[in-house]
Amino acid sequence: MRVRPAHRDYWRSVPHAEEWFLIEWPDGEVEPTKYWLSTLPGKTRLADLVDQAKMRWRIERDYQELKQGCCHIDFGLTV
């Protein structure tokens, strides 16, 4: 679904551009579990939007693993 975010539009001379609004609502859940706004172009396929939304989770998970692993490594760097 394409939406137009309205955050502080009263300060703007023109409204924000349209963005994609993605909602994850798994079967059996009472309400949605995740939401995303995306500025990808309007012609972007749904599968590509979902891939991009999920990619952020993978990147954040990998970043956390790297941060935790670095505490146990002595790089031997001196200044």
N, C-alpha and C. Protein backbone atom coordinates (compact mmCIF):
# COMPACT_ATOMS: atom_id res chain seq x y z
N MET A 1 0.85 -1.16 0.00
CA MET A 1 0.00 0.00 0.00
C MET A 1 0.90 1.23 0.00
N ARG A 2 0.55 2.22 -0.81
CA ARG A 2 1.30 3.48 -0.84
C ARG A 2 0.60 4.47 0.09
N VAL A 3 1.40 5.16 0.91
CA VAL A 3 0.87 6.14 1.85
C VAL A 3 1.69 7.42 1.75
N ARG A 4 1.18 8.45 2.33
CA ARG A 4 1.90 9.72 2.38
C ARG A 4 2.07 10.08 3.86
N PRO A 5 3.28 9.90 4.43
CA PRO A 5 3.49 10.22 5.84
C PRO A 5 3.13 11.69 6.10
N ALA A 6 2.51 11.94 7.23
CA ALA A 6 2.04 13.29 7.53
C ALA A 6 2.81 13.94 8.67
N HIS A 7 3.98 13.46 8.97
CA HIS A 7 4.76 14.02 10.08
C HIS A 7 5.09 15.49 9.82
N ARG A 8 4.51 16.37 10.60
CA ARG A 8 4.76 17.81 10.54
C ARG A 8 4.52 18.41 9.16
N ASP A 9 3.58 17.88 8.43
CA ASP A 9 3.27 18.44 7.11
C ASP A 9 2.77 19.87 7.19
N TYR A 10 2.26 20.27 8.33
CA TYR A 10 1.79 21.65 8.46
C TYR A 10 2.93 22.65 8.35
N TRP A 11 4.18 22.20 8.48
CA TRP A 11 5.35 23.07 8.32
C TRP A 11 5.84 23.11 6.87
N ARG A 12 5.37 22.18 6.07
CA ARG A 12 5.88 22.03 4.71
C ARG A 12 4.98 22.75 3.70
N SER A 13 5.58 23.23 2.63
CA SER A 13 4.78 23.85 1.57
C SER A 13 4.17 22.79 0.66
N VAL A 14 4.80 21.62 0.59
CA VAL A 14 4.25 20.50 -0.18
C VAL A 14 4.27 19.26 0.72
N PRO A 15 3.32 18.36 0.54
CA PRO A 15 3.31 17.15 1.39
C PRO A 15 4.48 16.23 1.07
N HIS A 16 4.76 15.33 1.99
CA HIS A 16 5.80 14.32 1.76
C HIS A 16 5.45 13.48 0.53
N ALA A 17 6.46 12.92 -0.08
CA ALA A 17 6.23 12.00 -1.21
C ALA A 17 5.60 10.71 -0.70
N GLU A 18 4.96 9.99 -1.59
CA GLU A 18 4.37 8.70 -1.21
C GLU A 18 5.47 7.70 -0.88
N GLU A 19 5.16 6.82 0.07
CA GLU A 19 6.06 5.73 0.46
C GLU A 19 5.25 4.44 0.54
N TRP A 20 5.98 3.34 0.53
CA TRP A 20 5.34 2.04 0.75
C TRP A 20 5.11 1.84 2.24
N PHE A 21 3.96 1.28 2.58
CA PHE A 21 3.65 0.91 3.95
C PHE A 21 3.44 -0.60 3.97
N LEU A 22 4.35 -1.31 4.59
CA LEU A 22 4.28 -2.77 4.67
C LEU A 22 3.85 -3.18 6.07
N ILE A 23 2.98 -4.16 6.14
CA ILE A 23 2.49 -4.67 7.42
C ILE A 23 2.69 -6.18 7.42
N GLU A 24 3.30 -6.69 8.48
CA GLU A 24 3.42 -8.14 8.64
C GLU A 24 2.36 -8.59 9.65
N TRP A 25 1.44 -9.42 9.19
CA TRP A 25 0.35 -9.92 10.03
C TRP A 25 0.29 -11.44 9.85
N PRO A 26 1.05 -12.17 10.65
CA PRO A 26 1.10 -13.63 10.51
C PRO A 26 -0.25 -14.29 10.78
N ASP A 27 -0.49 -15.40 10.09
CA ASP A 27 -1.70 -16.19 10.33
C ASP A 27 -1.78 -16.56 11.81
N GLY A 28 -2.97 -16.46 12.36
CA GLY A 28 -3.19 -16.84 13.74
C GLY A 28 -2.92 -15.74 14.75
N GLU A 29 -2.32 -14.64 14.31
CA GLU A 29 -2.06 -13.52 15.22
C GLU A 29 -3.28 -12.62 15.28
N VAL A 30 -3.52 -12.04 16.45
CA VAL A 30 -4.66 -11.15 16.65
C VAL A 30 -4.46 -9.81 15.95
N GLU A 31 -3.22 -9.37 15.88
CA GLU A 31 -2.91 -8.08 15.26
C GLU A 31 -1.57 -8.16 14.55
N PRO A 32 -1.25 -7.18 13.71
CA PRO A 32 0.04 -7.18 13.02
C PRO A 32 1.21 -7.19 14.01
N THR A 33 2.33 -7.74 13.56
CA THR A 33 3.51 -7.83 14.43
C THR A 33 4.61 -6.86 14.04
N LYS A 34 4.64 -6.43 12.78
CA LYS A 34 5.69 -5.51 12.33
C LYS A 34 5.14 -4.56 11.27
N TYR A 35 5.78 -3.38 11.19
CA TYR A 35 5.40 -2.37 10.22
C TYR A 35 6.67 -1.77 9.62
N TRP A 36 6.63 -1.41 8.35
CA TRP A 36 7.76 -0.75 7.70
C TRP A 36 7.25 0.36 6.80
N LEU A 37 8.00 1.44 6.69
CA LEU A 37 7.83 2.45 5.65
C LEU A 37 9.04 2.33 4.75
N SER A 38 8.81 2.40 3.45
CA SER A 38 9.90 2.28 2.49
C SER A 38 9.79 3.36 1.43
N THR A 39 10.91 3.94 1.08
CA THR A 39 10.94 4.97 0.03
C THR A 39 11.34 4.39 -1.32
N LEU A 40 11.30 3.06 -1.46
CA LEU A 40 11.59 2.46 -2.76
C LEU A 40 10.56 2.95 -3.78
N PRO A 41 10.91 2.95 -5.07
CA PRO A 41 10.00 3.47 -6.10
C PRO A 41 8.64 2.76 -6.11
N GLY A 42 7.64 3.46 -6.62
CA GLY A 42 6.28 2.94 -6.68
C GLY A 42 6.12 1.68 -7.51
N LYS A 43 7.02 1.44 -8.46
CA LYS A 43 6.93 0.26 -9.33
C LYS A 43 7.63 -0.96 -8.74
N THR A 44 8.15 -0.85 -7.53
CA THR A 44 8.87 -1.96 -6.90
C THR A 44 7.91 -3.12 -6.64
N ARG A 45 8.36 -4.33 -6.97
CA ARG A 45 7.54 -5.53 -6.75
C ARG A 45 7.43 -5.82 -5.26
N LEU A 46 6.31 -6.41 -4.85
CA LEU A 46 6.08 -6.74 -3.45
C LEU A 46 7.18 -7.65 -2.91
N ALA A 47 7.59 -8.64 -3.69
CA ALA A 47 8.65 -9.55 -3.24
C ALA A 47 9.94 -8.79 -2.93
N ASP A 48 10.26 -7.79 -3.74
CA ASP A 48 11.47 -6.99 -3.51
C ASP A 48 11.33 -6.12 -2.26
N LEU A 49 10.13 -5.58 -2.03
CA LEU A 49 9.89 -4.79 -0.82
C LEU A 49 10.09 -5.64 0.43
N VAL A 50 9.54 -6.84 0.40
CA VAL A 50 9.66 -7.75 1.55
C VAL A 50 11.13 -8.12 1.76
N ASP A 51 11.85 -8.42 0.68
CA ASP A 51 13.28 -8.75 0.80
C ASP A 51 14.05 -7.62 1.46
N GLN A 52 13.79 -6.39 1.05
CA GLN A 52 14.49 -5.25 1.63
C GLN A 52 14.15 -5.06 3.11
N ALA A 53 12.88 -5.24 3.45
CA ALA A 53 12.46 -5.09 4.85
C ALA A 53 13.14 -6.15 5.72
N LYS A 54 13.19 -7.38 5.25
CA LYS A 54 13.80 -8.46 6.02
C LYS A 54 15.32 -8.34 6.05
N MET A 55 15.91 -7.72 5.03
CA MET A 55 17.36 -7.56 4.98
C MET A 55 17.84 -6.73 6.17
N ARG A 56 17.09 -5.74 6.56
CA ARG A 56 17.50 -4.91 7.69
C ARG A 56 17.65 -5.76 8.94
N TRP A 57 16.72 -6.68 9.17
CA TRP A 57 16.79 -7.55 10.34
C TRP A 57 18.06 -8.39 10.29
N ARG A 58 18.39 -8.93 9.11
CA ARG A 58 19.60 -9.76 8.99
C ARG A 58 20.85 -8.94 9.25
N ILE A 59 20.88 -7.72 8.74
CA ILE A 59 22.04 -6.85 8.95
C ILE A 59 22.20 -6.52 10.43
N GLU A 60 21.10 -6.18 11.09
CA GLU A 60 21.17 -5.85 12.52
C GLU A 60 21.61 -7.05 13.35
N ARG A 61 21.13 -8.24 13.00
CA ARG A 61 21.53 -9.45 13.72
C ARG A 61 23.03 -9.71 13.54
N ASP A 62 23.51 -9.60 12.30
CA ASP A 62 24.93 -9.81 12.04
C ASP A 62 25.79 -8.78 12.77
N TYR A 63 25.34 -7.54 12.81
CA TYR A 63 26.06 -6.48 13.51
C TYR A 63 26.17 -6.81 15.00
N GLN A 64 25.09 -7.27 15.61
CA GLN A 64 25.12 -7.64 17.03
C GLN A 64 26.09 -8.79 17.28
N GLU A 65 26.09 -9.78 16.38
CA GLU A 65 27.02 -10.90 16.53
C GLU A 65 28.46 -10.42 16.44
N LEU A 66 28.74 -9.52 15.51
CA LEU A 66 30.09 -8.99 15.38
C LEU A 66 30.51 -8.21 16.62
N LYS A 67 29.61 -7.39 17.13
CA LYS A 67 29.92 -6.61 18.34
C LYS A 67 30.23 -7.53 19.51
N GLN A 68 29.46 -8.58 19.68
CA GLN A 68 29.67 -9.50 20.80
C GLN A 68 30.97 -10.26 20.62
N GLY A 69 31.29 -10.64 19.40
CA GLY A 69 32.50 -11.40 19.13
C GLY A 69 33.76 -10.58 19.30
N CYS A 70 33.70 -9.29 19.05
CA CYS A 70 34.88 -8.42 19.15
C CYS A 70 35.37 -8.28 20.59
N CYS A 71 34.53 -8.51 21.56
CA CYS A 71 34.94 -8.39 22.96
C CYS A 71 35.94 -9.48 23.33
N HIS A 72 35.97 -10.55 22.57
CA HIS A 72 36.81 -11.69 22.92
C HIS A 72 38.08 -11.77 22.07
N ILE A 73 38.29 -10.79 21.23
CA ILE A 73 39.44 -10.82 20.33
C ILE A 73 40.43 -9.74 20.73
N ASP A 74 41.71 -10.13 20.83
CA ASP A 74 42.76 -9.15 21.10
C ASP A 74 43.44 -8.86 19.77
N PHE A 75 43.23 -7.67 19.23
CA PHE A 75 43.77 -7.34 17.93
C PHE A 75 45.25 -6.95 18.00
N GLY A 76 45.74 -6.65 19.19
CA GLY A 76 47.14 -6.28 19.33
C GLY A 76 47.49 -4.96 18.68
N LEU A 77 46.54 -4.06 18.60
CA LEU A 77 46.78 -2.76 17.97
C LEU A 77 47.41 -1.80 18.98
N THR A 78 48.38 -1.05 18.51
CA THR A 78 49.00 -0.02 19.36
C THR A 78 49.00 1.29 18.60
N VAL A 79 48.99 2.36 19.34
CA VAL A 79 48.98 3.69 18.71
C VAL A 79 50.29 4.37 18.97
